[in-house]
C-alpha atoms as a PDB file:
ATOM      1  CA  MET A   1     -29.437 -20.964  15.194  1.00  0.00           C
ATOM      2  CA  SER A   2     -27.352 -17.972  14.218  1.00  0.00           C
ATOM      3  CA  PRO A   3     -28.035 -14.633  15.891  1.00  0.00           C
ATOM      4  CA  SER A   4     -30.581 -12.358  14.244  1.00  0.00           C
ATOM      5  CA  PRO A   5     -29.347  -9.469  12.168  1.00  0.00           C
ATOM      6  CA  PRO A   6     -29.812  -6.323  14.221  1.00  0.00           C
ATOM      7  CA  VAL A   7     -33.323  -4.935  14.065  1.00  0.00           C
ATOM      8  CA  ALA A   8     -32.930  -1.317  13.000  1.00  0.00           C
ATOM      9  CA  LEU A   9     -36.608  -0.456  13.288  1.00  0.00           C
ATOM     10  CA  ARG A  10     -38.525  -0.015  16.513  1.00  0.00           C
ATOM     11  CA  CYS A  11     -41.006  -2.892  16.214  1.00  0.00           C
ATOM     12  CA  VAL A  12     -44.199  -3.775  18.042  1.00  0.00           C
ATOM     13  CA  ALA A  13     -46.146  -6.935  17.287  1.00  0.00           C
ATOM     14  CA  ILE A  14     -49.918  -6.498  17.518  1.00  0.00           C
ATOM     15  CA  ASP A  15     -52.772  -8.979  17.658  1.00  0.00           C
ATOM     16  CA  PHE A  16     -56.528  -8.558  17.898  1.00  0.00           C
ATOM     17  CA  GLU A  17     -59.296 -10.954  18.787  1.00  0.00           C
ATOM     18  CA  THR A  18     -62.718 -10.022  17.470  1.00  0.00           C
ATOM     19  CA  SER A  19     -66.286 -10.628  18.583  1.00  0.00           C
ATOM     20  CA  GLY A  20     -67.713 -10.599  15.062  1.00  0.00           C
ATOM     21  CA  HIS A  21     -66.984 -10.171  11.391  1.00  0.00           C
ATOM     22  CA  ALA A  22     -66.972  -6.346  11.409  1.00  0.00           C
ATOM     23  CA  ALA A  23     -63.580  -4.636  11.350  1.00  0.00           C
ATOM     24  CA  HIS A  24     -64.460  -2.596  14.457  1.00  0.00           C
ATOM     25  CA  SER A  25     -65.459  -5.609  16.593  1.00  0.00           C
ATOM     26  CA  ALA A  26     -62.180  -5.983  18.532  1.00  0.00           C
ATOM     27  CA  CYS A  27     -62.673  -7.644  21.907  1.00  0.00           C
ATOM     28  CA  ALA A  28     -59.005  -8.003  22.918  1.00  0.00           C
ATOM     29  CA  VAL A  29     -55.700  -6.466  21.911  1.00  0.00           C
ATOM     30  CA  GLY A  30     -52.169  -7.579  22.620  1.00  0.00           C
ATOM     31  CA  MET A  31     -48.906  -5.839  21.766  1.00  0.00           C
ATOM     32  CA  ALA A  32     -45.287  -6.882  22.294  1.00  0.00           C
ATOM     33  CA  ARG A  33     -42.311  -4.562  21.941  1.00  0.00           C
ATOM     34  CA  ILE A  34     -38.981  -5.827  20.616  1.00  0.00           C
ATOM     35  CA  ASP A  35     -35.938  -4.265  22.233  1.00  0.00           C
ATOM     36  CA  LYS A  36     -32.324  -5.458  22.335  1.00  0.00           C
ATOM     37  CA  GLY A  37     -33.079  -8.607  20.351  1.00  0.00           C
ATOM     38  CA  GLY A  38     -36.024  -9.845  22.383  1.00  0.00           C
ATOM     39  CA  VAL A  39     -39.488  -9.090  23.687  1.00  0.00           C
ATOM     40  CA  SER A  40     -39.105  -6.396  26.318  1.00  0.00           C
ATOM     41  CA  GLU A  41     -42.701  -5.498  27.180  1.00  0.00           C
ATOM     42  CA  VAL A  42     -46.197  -6.867  26.557  1.00  0.00           C
ATOM     43  CA  PHE A  43     -49.496  -4.959  26.695  1.00  0.00           C
ATOM     44  CA  TYR A  44     -52.845  -6.766  26.896  1.00  0.00           C
ATOM     45  CA  SER A  45     -56.387  -5.535  27.309  1.00  0.00           C
ATOM     46  CA  LEU A  46     -59.842  -6.916  26.890  1.00  0.00           C
ATOM     47  CA  LEU A  47     -62.067  -4.539  24.926  1.00  0.00           C
ATOM     48  CA  ARG A  48     -65.834  -4.163  25.172  1.00  0.00           C
ATOM     49  CA  PRO A  49     -67.075  -4.786  21.640  1.00  0.00           C
ATOM     50  CA  PRO A  50     -69.834  -2.674  20.073  1.00  0.00           C
ATOM     51  CA  SER A  51     -72.382  -5.505  20.415  1.00  0.00           C
ATOM     52  CA  SER A  52     -73.219  -7.926  23.209  1.00  0.00           C
ATOM     53  CA  LYS A  53     -73.403 -10.712  20.621  1.00  0.00           C
ATOM     54  CA  VAL A  54     -69.996 -12.387  20.791  1.00  0.00           C
ATOM     55  CA  LEU A  55     -69.128 -14.768  18.005  1.00  0.00           C
ATOM     56  CA  PHE A  56     -65.960 -16.864  17.991  1.00  0.00           C
ATOM     57  CA  THR A  57     -66.097 -17.716  21.724  1.00  0.00           C
ATOM     58  CA  GLU A  58     -65.084 -21.235  20.667  1.00  0.00           C
ATOM     59  CA  VAL A  59     -61.885 -19.727  19.215  1.00  0.00           C
ATOM     60  CA  HIS A  60     -60.746 -17.219  21.842  1.00  0.00           C
ATOM     61  CA  GLY A  61     -62.838 -18.210  24.852  1.00  0.00           C
ATOM     62  CA  LEU A  62     -64.175 -14.685  25.439  1.00  0.00           C
ATOM     63  CA  THR A  63     -67.820 -14.125  26.363  1.00  0.00           C
ATOM     64  CA  TRP A  64     -69.993 -11.041  26.848  1.00  0.00           C
ATOM     65  CA  ALA A  65     -69.864 -11.622  30.618  1.00  0.00           C
ATOM     66  CA  MET A  66     -66.072 -11.284  30.433  1.00  0.00           C
ATOM     67  CA  LEU A  67     -66.179  -8.251  28.107  1.00  0.00           C
ATOM     68  CA  GLN A  68     -69.122  -6.134  29.258  1.00  0.00           C
ATOM     69  CA  ASP A  69     -67.119  -4.186  31.849  1.00  0.00           C
ATOM     70  CA  ALA A  70     -63.942  -3.894  29.753  1.00  0.00           C
ATOM     71  CA  PRO A  71     -62.957  -0.531  28.279  1.00  0.00           C
ATOM     72  CA  THR A  72     -64.165   0.261  24.774  1.00  0.00           C
ATOM     73  CA  PHE A  73     -61.554   0.724  22.074  1.00  0.00           C
ATOM     74  CA  ALA A  74     -62.058   4.485  22.467  1.00  0.00           C
ATOM     75  CA  GLN A  75     -61.344   4.249  26.209  1.00  0.00           C
ATOM     76  CA  ALA A  76     -58.307   2.006  25.672  1.00  0.00           C
ATOM     77  CA  TYR A  77     -56.994   4.093  22.771  1.00  0.00           C
ATOM     78  CA  PRO A  78     -54.719   6.357  24.888  1.00  0.00           C
ATOM     79  CA  ALA A  79     -52.960   3.307  26.349  1.00  0.00           C
ATOM     80  CA  ILE A  80     -52.702   1.637  22.931  1.00  0.00           C
ATOM     81  CA  ALA A  81     -51.366   4.778  21.247  1.00  0.00           C
ATOM     82  CA  GLY A  82     -49.016   5.370  24.188  1.00  0.00           C
ATOM     83  CA  PHE A  83     -47.572   1.864  23.878  1.00  0.00           C
ATOM     84  CA  LEU A  84     -46.989   2.510  20.179  1.00  0.00           C
ATOM     85  CA  HIS A  85     -45.222   5.847  20.776  1.00  0.00           C
ATOM     86  CA  ASP A  86     -41.915   5.925  18.858  1.00  0.00           C
ATOM     87  CA  THR A  87     -42.763   2.707  16.992  1.00  0.00           C
ATOM     88  CA  ASP A  88     -41.578   2.504  13.387  1.00  0.00           C
ATOM     89  CA  VAL A  89     -43.363  -0.652  12.241  1.00  0.00           C
ATOM     90  CA  LEU A  90     -46.074  -3.054  13.385  1.00  0.00           C
ATOM     91  CA  LEU A  91     -45.713  -6.820  13.082  1.00  0.00           C
ATOM     92  CA  ALA A  92     -48.559  -9.294  12.841  1.00  0.00           C
ATOM     93  CA  HIS A  93     -49.124 -12.880  11.772  1.00  0.00           C
ATOM     94  CA  ASN A  94     -51.648 -12.366   8.955  1.00  0.00           C
ATOM     95  CA  ALA A  95     -51.087  -8.627   9.088  1.00  0.00           C
ATOM     96  CA  SER A  96     -53.910  -7.771   6.687  1.00  0.00           C
ATOM     97  CA  PHE A  97     -56.406  -8.924   9.347  1.00  0.00           C
ATOM     98  CA  ASP A  98     -54.864  -6.964  12.234  1.00  0.00           C
ATOM     99  CA  ARG A  99     -54.360  -3.871  10.077  1.00  0.00           C
ATOM    100  CA  ARG A 100     -58.042  -4.033   9.040  1.00  0.00           C
ATOM    101  CA  VAL A 101     -59.177  -4.308  12.669  1.00  0.00           C
ATOM    102  CA  LEU A 102     -56.915  -1.469  13.837  1.00  0.00           C
ATOM    103  CA  ARG A 103     -58.136   0.819  11.058  1.00  0.00           C
ATOM    104  CA  GLY A 104     -61.762  -0.241  11.551  1.00  0.00           C
ATOM    105  CA  CYS A 105     -61.633   0.504  15.276  1.00  0.00           C
ATOM    106  CA  CYS A 106     -59.901   3.860  14.827  1.00  0.00           C
ATOM    107  CA  THR A 107     -62.442   4.897  12.199  1.00  0.00           C
ATOM    108  CA  SER A 108     -65.522   3.592  14.005  1.00  0.00           C
ATOM    109  CA  PHE A 109     -64.546   5.091  17.352  1.00  0.00           C
ATOM    110  CA  ARG A 110     -63.370   8.362  15.732  1.00  0.00           C
ATOM    111  CA  LYS A 111     -59.793   8.111  16.950  1.00  0.00           C
ATOM    112  CA  PRO A 112     -56.701   9.239  15.033  1.00  0.00           C
ATOM    113  CA  LEU A 113     -55.618   6.516  12.642  1.00  0.00           C
ATOM    114  CA  ILE A 114     -52.524   4.677  13.792  1.00  0.00           C
ATOM    115  CA  ASP A 115     -51.020   4.557  10.342  1.00  0.00           C
ATOM    116  CA  LEU A 116     -47.811   2.574  10.699  1.00  0.00           C
ATOM    117  CA  PRO A 117     -46.419   0.183   8.111  1.00  0.00           C
ATOM    118  CA  PHE A 118     -47.004  -3.518   8.765  1.00  0.00           C
ATOM    119  CA  LEU A 119     -44.726  -6.502   8.346  1.00  0.00           C
ATOM    120  CA  CYS A 120     -46.353  -9.926   8.133  1.00  0.00           C
ATOM    121  CA  THR A 121     -44.721 -12.937   9.764  1.00  0.00           C
ATOM    122  CA  LEU A 122     -47.180 -15.221   7.952  1.00  0.00           C
ATOM    123  CA  ARG A 123     -45.748 -13.916   4.682  1.00  0.00           C
ATOM    124  CA  GLY A 124     -42.221 -14.487   6.022  1.00  0.00           C
ATOM    125  CA  ALA A 125     -43.100 -18.027   7.120  1.00  0.00           C
ATOM    126  CA  ARG A 126     -44.583 -18.819   3.712  1.00  0.00           C
ATOM    127  CA  ARG A 127     -41.335 -17.675   2.062  1.00  0.00           C
ATOM    128  CA  SER A 128     -38.961 -19.596   4.277  1.00  0.00           C
ATOM    129  CA  LEU A 129     -40.408 -22.501   6.257  1.00  0.00           C
ATOM    130  CA  PRO A 130     -41.026 -25.981   4.839  1.00  0.00           C
ATOM    131  CA  LEU A 131     -44.143 -26.564   6.952  1.00  0.00           C
ATOM    132  CA  PRO A 132     -47.493 -27.887   5.705  1.00  0.00           C
ATOM    133  CA  SER A 133     -49.252 -25.161   7.720  1.00  0.00           C
ATOM    134  CA  LYS A 134     -47.949 -21.663   8.332  1.00  0.00           C
ATOM    135  CA  LYS A 135     -50.530 -20.824  11.021  1.00  0.00           C
ATOM    136  CA  LEU A 136     -49.081 -19.120  14.092  1.00  0.00           C
ATOM    137  CA  SER A 137     -49.488 -22.268  16.196  1.00  0.00           C
ATOM    138  CA  ALA A 138     -47.608 -24.383  13.630  1.00  0.00           C
ATOM    139  CA  VAL A 139     -44.798 -21.848  13.239  1.00  0.00           C
ATOM    140  CA  CYS A 140     -44.454 -21.504  17.015  1.00  0.00           C
ATOM    141  CA  GLY A 141     -44.346 -25.300  17.338  1.00  0.00           C
ATOM    142  CA  HIS A 142     -41.603 -25.432  14.691  1.00  0.00           C
ATOM    143  CA  PHE A 143     -39.507 -22.843  16.526  1.00  0.00           C
ATOM    144  CA  GLY A 144     -40.346 -24.066  20.061  1.00  0.00           C
ATOM    145  CA  ILE A 145     -42.034 -20.771  21.000  1.00  0.00           C
ATOM    146  CA  ALA A 146     -44.529 -20.909  23.873  1.00  0.00           C
ATOM    147  CA  LEU A 147     -48.042 -19.941  22.815  1.00  0.00           C
ATOM    148  CA  ASN A 148     -51.451 -19.642  24.463  1.00  0.00           C
ATOM    149  CA  HIS A 149     -53.117 -19.400  21.065  1.00  0.00           C
ATOM    150  CA  HIS A 150     -55.877 -16.802  20.580  1.00  0.00           C
ATOM    151  CA  HIS A 151     -54.907 -14.918  23.727  1.00  0.00           C
ATOM    152  CA  ALA A 152     -54.005 -11.591  22.112  1.00  0.00           C
ATOM    153  CA  GLY A 153     -51.071 -10.904  24.451  1.00  0.00           C
ATOM    154  CA  SER A 154     -49.563 -14.349  23.918  1.00  0.00           C
ATOM    155  CA  ASP A 155     -50.150 -14.189  20.160  1.00  0.00           C
ATOM    156  CA  ALA A 156     -48.429 -10.786  19.952  1.00  0.00           C
ATOM    157  CA  ALA A 157     -45.421 -11.960  21.998  1.00  0.00           C
ATOM    158  CA  ALA A 158     -45.177 -15.124  19.897  1.00  0.00           C
ATOM    159  CA  CYS A 159     -45.390 -13.096  16.676  1.00  0.00           C
ATOM    160  CA  ALA A 160     -42.487 -10.933  17.869  1.00  0.00           C
ATOM    161  CA  GLU A 161     -40.428 -14.065  18.584  1.00  0.00           C
ATOM    162  CA  VAL A 162     -41.326 -15.515  15.175  1.00  0.00           C
ATOM    163  CA  TYR A 163     -40.192 -12.274  13.553  1.00  0.00           C
ATOM    164  CA  LEU A 164     -36.814 -12.518  15.278  1.00  0.00           C
ATOM    165  CA  ARG A 165     -36.437 -16.178  14.238  1.00  0.00           C
ATOM    166  CA  LEU A 166     -37.351 -15.379  10.631  1.00  0.00           C
ATOM    167  CA  ARG A 167     -34.793 -12.576  10.606  1.00  0.00           C
ATOM    168  CA  SER A 168     -32.165 -15.034  11.884  1.00  0.00           C
ATOM    169  CA  LEU A 169     -32.981 -17.248   8.885  1.00  0.00           C
ATOM    170  CA  GLY A 170     -32.276 -14.334   6.545  1.00  0.00           C
ATOM    171  CA  VAL A 171     -35.860 -13.245   5.831  1.00  0.00           C
ATOM    172  CA  SER A 172     -35.751  -9.489   5.293  1.00  0.00           C
ATOM    173  CA  ASP A 173     -38.254  -6.847   6.322  1.00  0.00           C
ATOM    174  CA  ALA A 174     -38.860  -6.176   2.623  1.00  0.00           C
ATOM    175  CA  GLN A 175     -39.945  -9.799   2.175  1.00  0.00           C
ATOM    176  CA  MET A 176     -42.510  -9.431   4.964  1.00  0.00           C
ATOM    177  CA  ARG A 177     -43.885  -6.020   3.981  1.00  0.00           C
ATOM    178  CA  ILE A 178     -47.555  -5.841   3.026  1.00  0.00           C
END
């Protein structure tokens, strides 16, 4: 595989797991910073959701017992915003979902909106990969990227790696913009 074109933007991949259908129901967040052509740092935190009713346990494995003592989004916000300091663009696989959750949490918990542009690796995969499925797990399997799927930290790190691989295939940021 040819080396990726240099990444001019300061990028952080972000992934949320949610406890319900509401945009503010984040129960985990993961972020992975890209620096010098690779993932340089990963942030992960469980988040106490606004309700003790946790849906999607069968997807992400998180239960109320695991989340009840976690920080709320409001409590974790300084660490999240600090990790995103000096970031130019956020990356996500299915970025419309993660953007909706980020905005929903900021609004619901009355925190300043983290209003960064998003690039979507799902969009990039759809444009460039001849795979029957473009889900993160399928794309990671195609590229040989390790993934503990639906663990927000692993998903974010994998998304960052997918972004770098897509760039090496010639997919531009403009083609992934949402």
